[in-house]
Amino acid sequence: MKVNFEKCCWKDGACQQCSCEGECTGCAEVCPVQAITREDVIKIDVEKCIDCGACINA
């Protein structure tokens, strides 16, 4: 799986799109199979990911 960083708002361990200060409620929360975790960096479990695209649209 390749993350499209042109669309993703999470870069360098911080949300770049809004003023959520790292408490973004987007991609990880919308994932229907909990394949995304957000700690110091976003981690995608490729074994769980179903390529639905919900994270990109969040």
PDB file of N, CA and C in Angstrom:
ATOM      1  N   MET A   1       0.845  -1.180   0.000  1.00  0.00           N
ATOM      2  CA  MET A   1       0.000   0.000   0.000  1.00  0.00           C
ATOM      3  C   MET A   1       0.885   1.236   0.000  1.00  0.00           C
ATOM      4  N   LYS A   2       0.526   2.223  -0.778  1.00  0.00           N
ATOM      5  CA  LYS A   2       1.274   3.466  -0.840  1.00  0.00           C
ATOM      6  C   LYS A   2       0.371   4.604  -0.380  1.00  0.00           C
ATOM      7  N   VAL A   3       0.839   5.376   0.587  1.00  0.00           N
ATOM      8  CA  VAL A   3       0.068   6.509   1.091  1.00  0.00           C
ATOM      9  C   VAL A   3       0.227   7.672   0.129  1.00  0.00           C
ATOM     10  N   ASN A   4      -0.872   8.290  -0.252  1.00  0.00           N
ATOM     11  CA  ASN A   4      -0.836   9.458  -1.116  1.00  0.00           C
ATOM     12  C   ASN A   4      -0.659  10.689  -0.229  1.00  0.00           C
ATOM     13  N   PHE A   5       0.572  11.144  -0.071  1.00  0.00           N
ATOM     14  CA  PHE A   5       0.850  12.257   0.819  1.00  0.00           C
ATOM     15  C   PHE A   5       0.362  13.590   0.265  1.00  0.00           C
ATOM     16  N   GLU A   6      -0.053  13.629  -0.989  1.00  0.00           N
ATOM     17  CA  GLU A   6      -0.666  14.839  -1.522  1.00  0.00           C
ATOM     18  C   GLU A   6      -2.036  15.057  -0.886  1.00  0.00           C
ATOM     19  N   LYS A   7      -2.718  13.952  -0.527  1.00  0.00           N
ATOM     20  CA  LYS A   7      -4.049  14.036   0.062  1.00  0.00           C
ATOM     21  C   LYS A   7      -4.031  13.884   1.577  1.00  0.00           C
ATOM     22  N   CYS A   8      -3.045  13.187   2.114  1.00  0.00           N
ATOM     23  CA  CYS A   8      -2.995  12.905   3.545  1.00  0.00           C
ATOM     24  C   CYS A   8      -2.580  14.156   4.311  1.00  0.00           C
ATOM     25  N   CYS A   9      -3.279  14.469   5.396  1.00  0.00           N
ATOM     26  CA  CYS A   9      -2.965  15.667   6.178  1.00  0.00           C
ATOM     27  C   CYS A   9      -2.004  15.382   7.325  1.00  0.00           C
ATOM     28  N   TRP A  10      -1.614  14.132   7.548  1.00  0.00           N
ATOM     29  CA  TRP A  10      -0.739  13.768   8.663  1.00  0.00           C
ATOM     30  C   TRP A  10       0.683  13.616   8.147  1.00  0.00           C
ATOM     31  N   LYS A  11       1.553  14.577   8.457  1.00  0.00           N
ATOM     32  CA  LYS A  11       2.937  14.555   7.988  1.00  0.00           C
ATOM     33  C   LYS A  11       3.876  14.864   9.146  1.00  0.00           C
ATOM     34  N   ASP A  12       4.997  14.190   9.183  1.00  0.00           N
ATOM     35  CA  ASP A  12       6.021  14.425  10.196  1.00  0.00           C
ATOM     36  C   ASP A  12       5.473  14.339  11.613  1.00  0.00           C
ATOM     37  N   GLY A  13       4.529  13.430  11.833  1.00  0.00           N
ATOM     38  CA  GLY A  13       4.000  13.203  13.167  1.00  0.00           C
ATOM     39  C   GLY A  13       3.004  14.227  13.653  1.00  0.00           C
ATOM     40  N   ALA A  14       2.506  15.063  12.752  1.00  0.00           N
ATOM     41  CA  ALA A  14       1.533  16.074  13.161  1.00  0.00           C
ATOM     42  C   ALA A  14       0.543  16.337  12.035  1.00  0.00           C
ATOM     43  N   CYS A  15      -0.649  16.726  12.421  1.00  0.00           N
ATOM     44  CA  CYS A  15      -1.667  17.080  11.437  1.00  0.00           C
ATOM     45  C   CYS A  15      -1.299  18.421  10.822  1.00  0.00           C
ATOM     46  N   GLN A  16      -1.283  18.490   9.520  1.00  0.00           N
ATOM     47  CA  GLN A  16      -0.913  19.709   8.810  1.00  0.00           C
ATOM     48  C   GLN A  16      -2.127  20.454   8.260  1.00  0.00           C
ATOM     49  N   GLN A  17      -3.306  19.872   8.397  1.00  0.00           N
ATOM     50  CA  GLN A  17      -4.476  20.432   7.754  1.00  0.00           C
ATOM     51  C   GLN A  17      -5.243  21.403   8.643  1.00  0.00           C
ATOM     52  N   CYS A  18      -5.261  21.138   9.934  1.00  0.00           N
ATOM     53  CA  CYS A  18      -6.068  21.976  10.819  1.00  0.00           C
ATOM     54  C   CYS A  18      -5.300  22.263  12.099  1.00  0.00           C
ATOM     55  N   SER A  19      -5.953  22.814  13.076  1.00  0.00           N
ATOM     56  CA  SER A  19      -5.284  23.149  14.337  1.00  0.00           C
ATOM     57  C   SER A  19      -5.574  22.122  15.422  1.00  0.00           C
ATOM     58  N   CYS A  20      -5.692  20.872  15.042  1.00  0.00           N
ATOM     59  CA  CYS A  20      -6.021  19.827  16.014  1.00  0.00           C
ATOM     60  C   CYS A  20      -4.831  19.459  16.895  1.00  0.00           C
ATOM     61  N   GLU A  21      -3.634  19.930  16.561  1.00  0.00           N
ATOM     62  CA  GLU A  21      -2.427  19.687  17.347  1.00  0.00           C
ATOM     63  C   GLU A  21      -2.167  18.210  17.594  1.00  0.00           C
ATOM     64  N   GLY A  22      -2.340  17.383  16.568  1.00  0.00           N
ATOM     65  CA  GLY A  22      -2.059  15.963  16.686  1.00  0.00           C
ATOM     66  C   GLY A  22      -3.210  15.141  17.206  1.00  0.00           C
ATOM     67  N   GLU A  23      -4.354  15.750  17.441  1.00  0.00           N
ATOM     68  CA  GLU A  23      -5.524  15.020  17.924  1.00  0.00           C
ATOM     69  C   GLU A  23      -6.552  14.884  16.807  1.00  0.00           C
ATOM     70  N   CYS A  24      -6.078  14.667  15.618  1.00  0.00           N
ATOM     71  CA  CYS A  24      -6.929  14.542  14.438  1.00  0.00           C
ATOM     72  C   CYS A  24      -7.940  13.411  14.615  1.00  0.00           C
ATOM     73  N   THR A  25      -9.142  13.632  14.199  1.00  0.00           N
ATOM     74  CA  THR A  25     -10.177  12.595  14.282  1.00  0.00           C
ATOM     75  C   THR A  25     -10.561  12.127  12.888  1.00  0.00           C
ATOM     76  N   GLY A  26      -9.567  11.984  12.054  1.00  0.00           N
ATOM     77  CA  GLY A  26      -9.823  11.616  10.675  1.00  0.00           C
ATOM     78  C   GLY A  26      -9.528  10.181  10.338  1.00  0.00           C
ATOM     79  N   CYS A  27      -8.407   9.944   9.687  1.00  0.00           N
ATOM     80  CA  CYS A  27      -8.114   8.660   9.054  1.00  0.00           C
ATOM     81  C   CYS A  27      -8.169   7.452   9.982  1.00  0.00           C
ATOM     82  N   ALA A  28      -7.546   7.518  11.138  1.00  0.00           N
ATOM     83  CA  ALA A  28      -7.512   6.353  12.033  1.00  0.00           C
ATOM     84  C   ALA A  28      -8.906   6.008  12.542  1.00  0.00           C
ATOM     85  N   GLU A  29      -9.676   7.027  12.859  1.00  0.00           N
ATOM     86  CA  GLU A  29     -11.003   6.799  13.415  1.00  0.00           C
ATOM     87  C   GLU A  29     -12.013   6.299  12.389  1.00  0.00           C
ATOM     88  N   VAL A  30     -11.859   6.686  11.145  1.00  0.00           N
ATOM     89  CA  VAL A  30     -12.823   6.307  10.120  1.00  0.00           C
ATOM     90  C   VAL A  30     -12.542   4.925   9.524  1.00  0.00           C
ATOM     91  N   CYS A  31     -11.369   4.379   9.765  1.00  0.00           N
ATOM     92  CA  CYS A  31     -11.009   3.079   9.188  1.00  0.00           C
ATOM     93  C   CYS A  31     -11.953   1.983   9.689  1.00  0.00           C
ATOM     94  N   PRO A  32     -12.656   1.309   8.775  1.00  0.00           N
ATOM     95  CA  PRO A  32     -13.650   0.315   9.187  1.00  0.00           C
ATOM     96  C   PRO A  32     -13.053  -0.974   9.754  1.00  0.00           C
ATOM     97  N   VAL A  33     -11.753  -1.190   9.540  1.00  0.00           N
ATOM     98  CA  VAL A  33     -11.123  -2.421  10.031  1.00  0.00           C
ATOM     99  C   VAL A  33      -9.997  -2.137  11.029  1.00  0.00           C
ATOM    100  N   GLN A  34      -9.931  -0.897  11.515  1.00  0.00           N
ATOM    101  CA  GLN A  34      -8.921  -0.473  12.493  1.00  0.00           C
ATOM    102  C   GLN A  34      -7.497  -0.813  12.047  1.00  0.00           C
ATOM    103  N   ALA A  35      -7.209  -0.565  10.779  1.00  0.00           N
ATOM    104  CA  ALA A  35      -5.884  -0.849  10.235  1.00  0.00           C
ATOM    105  C   ALA A  35      -4.902   0.293  10.474  1.00  0.00           C
ATOM    106  N   ILE A  36      -5.390   1.436  10.954  1.00  0.00           N
ATOM    107  CA  ILE A  36      -4.532   2.603  11.138  1.00  0.00           C
ATOM    108  C   ILE A  36      -4.429   2.948  12.616  1.00  0.00           C
ATOM    109  N   THR A  37      -3.196   3.117  13.073  1.00  0.00           N
ATOM    110  CA  THR A  37      -2.962   3.594  14.434  1.00  0.00           C
ATOM    111  C   THR A  37      -2.135   4.862  14.359  1.00  0.00           C
ATOM    112  N   ARG A  38      -2.369   5.759  15.288  1.00  0.00           N
ATOM    113  CA  ARG A  38      -1.650   7.027  15.321  1.00  0.00           C
ATOM    114  C   ARG A  38      -0.986   7.159  16.683  1.00  0.00           C
ATOM    115  N   GLU A  39       0.331   7.102  16.691  1.00  0.00           N
ATOM    116  CA  GLU A  39       1.098   7.325  17.916  1.00  0.00           C
ATOM    117  C   GLU A  39       2.047   8.477  17.605  1.00  0.00           C
ATOM    118  N   ASP A  40       3.336   8.226  17.575  1.00  0.00           N
ATOM    119  CA  ASP A  40       4.264   9.268  17.134  1.00  0.00           C
ATOM    120  C   ASP A  40       4.169   9.455  15.626  1.00  0.00           C
ATOM    121  N   VAL A  41       3.826   8.379  14.937  1.00  0.00           N
ATOM    122  CA  VAL A  41       3.629   8.411  13.492  1.00  0.00           C
ATOM    123  C   VAL A  41       2.404   7.570  13.155  1.00  0.00           C
ATOM    124  N   ILE A  42       1.867   7.776  11.971  1.00  0.00           N
ATOM    125  CA  ILE A  42       0.757   6.956  11.496  1.00  0.00           C
ATOM    126  C   ILE A  42       1.306   5.597  11.091  1.00  0.00           C
ATOM    127  N   LYS A  43       0.664   4.538  11.535  1.00  0.00           N
ATOM    128  CA  LYS A  43       1.056   3.188  11.141  1.00  0.00           C
ATOM    129  C   LYS A  43      -0.137   2.512  10.483  1.00  0.00           C
ATOM    130  N   ILE A  44       0.104   1.902   9.326  1.00  0.00           N
ATOM    131  CA  ILE A  44      -0.941   1.195   8.596  1.00  0.00           C
ATOM    132  C   ILE A  44      -0.609  -0.285   8.595  1.00  0.00           C
ATOM    133  N   ASP A  45      -1.526  -1.079   9.117  1.00  0.00           N
ATOM    134  CA  ASP A  45      -1.359  -2.532   9.120  1.00  0.00           C
ATOM    135  C   ASP A  45      -1.858  -3.049   7.776  1.00  0.00           C
ATOM    136  N   VAL A  46      -0.928  -3.366   6.894  1.00  0.00           N
ATOM    137  CA  VAL A  46      -1.295  -3.780   5.541  1.00  0.00           C
ATOM    138  C   VAL A  46      -2.023  -5.116   5.518  1.00  0.00           C
ATOM    139  N   GLU A  47      -1.884  -5.904   6.574  1.00  0.00           N
ATOM    140  CA  GLU A  47      -2.618  -7.169   6.664  1.00  0.00           C
ATOM    141  C   GLU A  47      -4.106  -6.923   6.916  1.00  0.00           C
ATOM    142  N   LYS A  48      -4.437  -5.852   7.628  1.00  0.00           N
ATOM    143  CA  LYS A  48      -5.834  -5.522   7.934  1.00  0.00           C
ATOM    144  C   LYS A  48      -6.483  -4.648   6.859  1.00  0.00           C
ATOM    145  N   CYS A  49      -5.682  -3.802   6.212  1.00  0.00           N
ATOM    146  CA  CYS A  49      -6.204  -2.817   5.264  1.00  0.00           C
ATOM    147  C   CYS A  49      -6.951  -3.494   4.115  1.00  0.00           C
ATOM    148  N   ILE A  50      -8.134  -2.958   3.793  1.00  0.00           N
ATOM    149  CA  ILE A  50      -8.946  -3.496   2.696  1.00  0.00           C
ATOM    150  C   ILE A  50      -8.997  -2.535   1.501  1.00  0.00           C
ATOM    151  N   ASP A  51      -8.142  -1.509   1.516  1.00  0.00           N
ATOM    152  CA  ASP A  51      -8.052  -0.533   0.422  1.00  0.00           C
ATOM    153  C   ASP A  51      -9.386   0.129   0.098  1.00  0.00           C
ATOM    154  N   CYS A  52     -10.161   0.454   1.125  1.00  0.00           N
ATOM    155  CA  CYS A  52     -11.479   1.060   0.892  1.00  0.00           C
ATOM    156  C   CYS A  52     -11.394   2.549   0.565  1.00  0.00           C
ATOM    157  N   GLY A  53     -10.299   3.220   0.980  1.00  0.00           N
ATOM    158  CA  GLY A  53     -10.132   4.639   0.694  1.00  0.00           C
ATOM    159  C   GLY A  53     -10.782   5.568   1.695  1.00  0.00           C
ATOM    160  N   ALA A  54     -11.402   5.046   2.731  1.00  0.00           N
ATOM    161  CA  ALA A  54     -12.072   5.898   3.721  1.00  0.00           C
ATOM    162  C   ALA A  54     -11.090   6.850   4.388  1.00  0.00           C
ATOM    163  N   CYS A  55      -9.867   6.409   4.612  1.00  0.00           N
ATOM    164  CA  CYS A  55      -8.869   7.248   5.282  1.00  0.00           C
ATOM    165  C   CYS A  55      -8.487   8.456   4.429  1.00  0.00           C
ATOM    166  N   ILE A  56      -8.437   8.286   3.145  1.00  0.00           N
ATOM    167  CA  ILE A  56      -8.080   9.384   2.251  1.00  0.00           C
ATOM    168  C   ILE A  56      -9.212  10.397   2.173  1.00  0.00           C
ATOM    169  N   ASN A  57     -10.441   9.938   2.269  1.00  0.00           N
ATOM    170  CA  ASN A  57     -11.595  10.829   2.189  1.00  0.00           C
ATOM    171  C   ASN A  57     -11.934  11.493   3.512  1.00  0.00           C
ATOM    172  N   ALA A  58     -11.305  11.053   4.615  1.00  0.00           N
ATOM    173  CA  ALA A  58     -11.623  11.598   5.944  1.00  0.00           C
ATOM    174  C   ALA A  58     -11.181  13.037   6.070  1.00  0.00           C
TER     175      ALA A  58
END
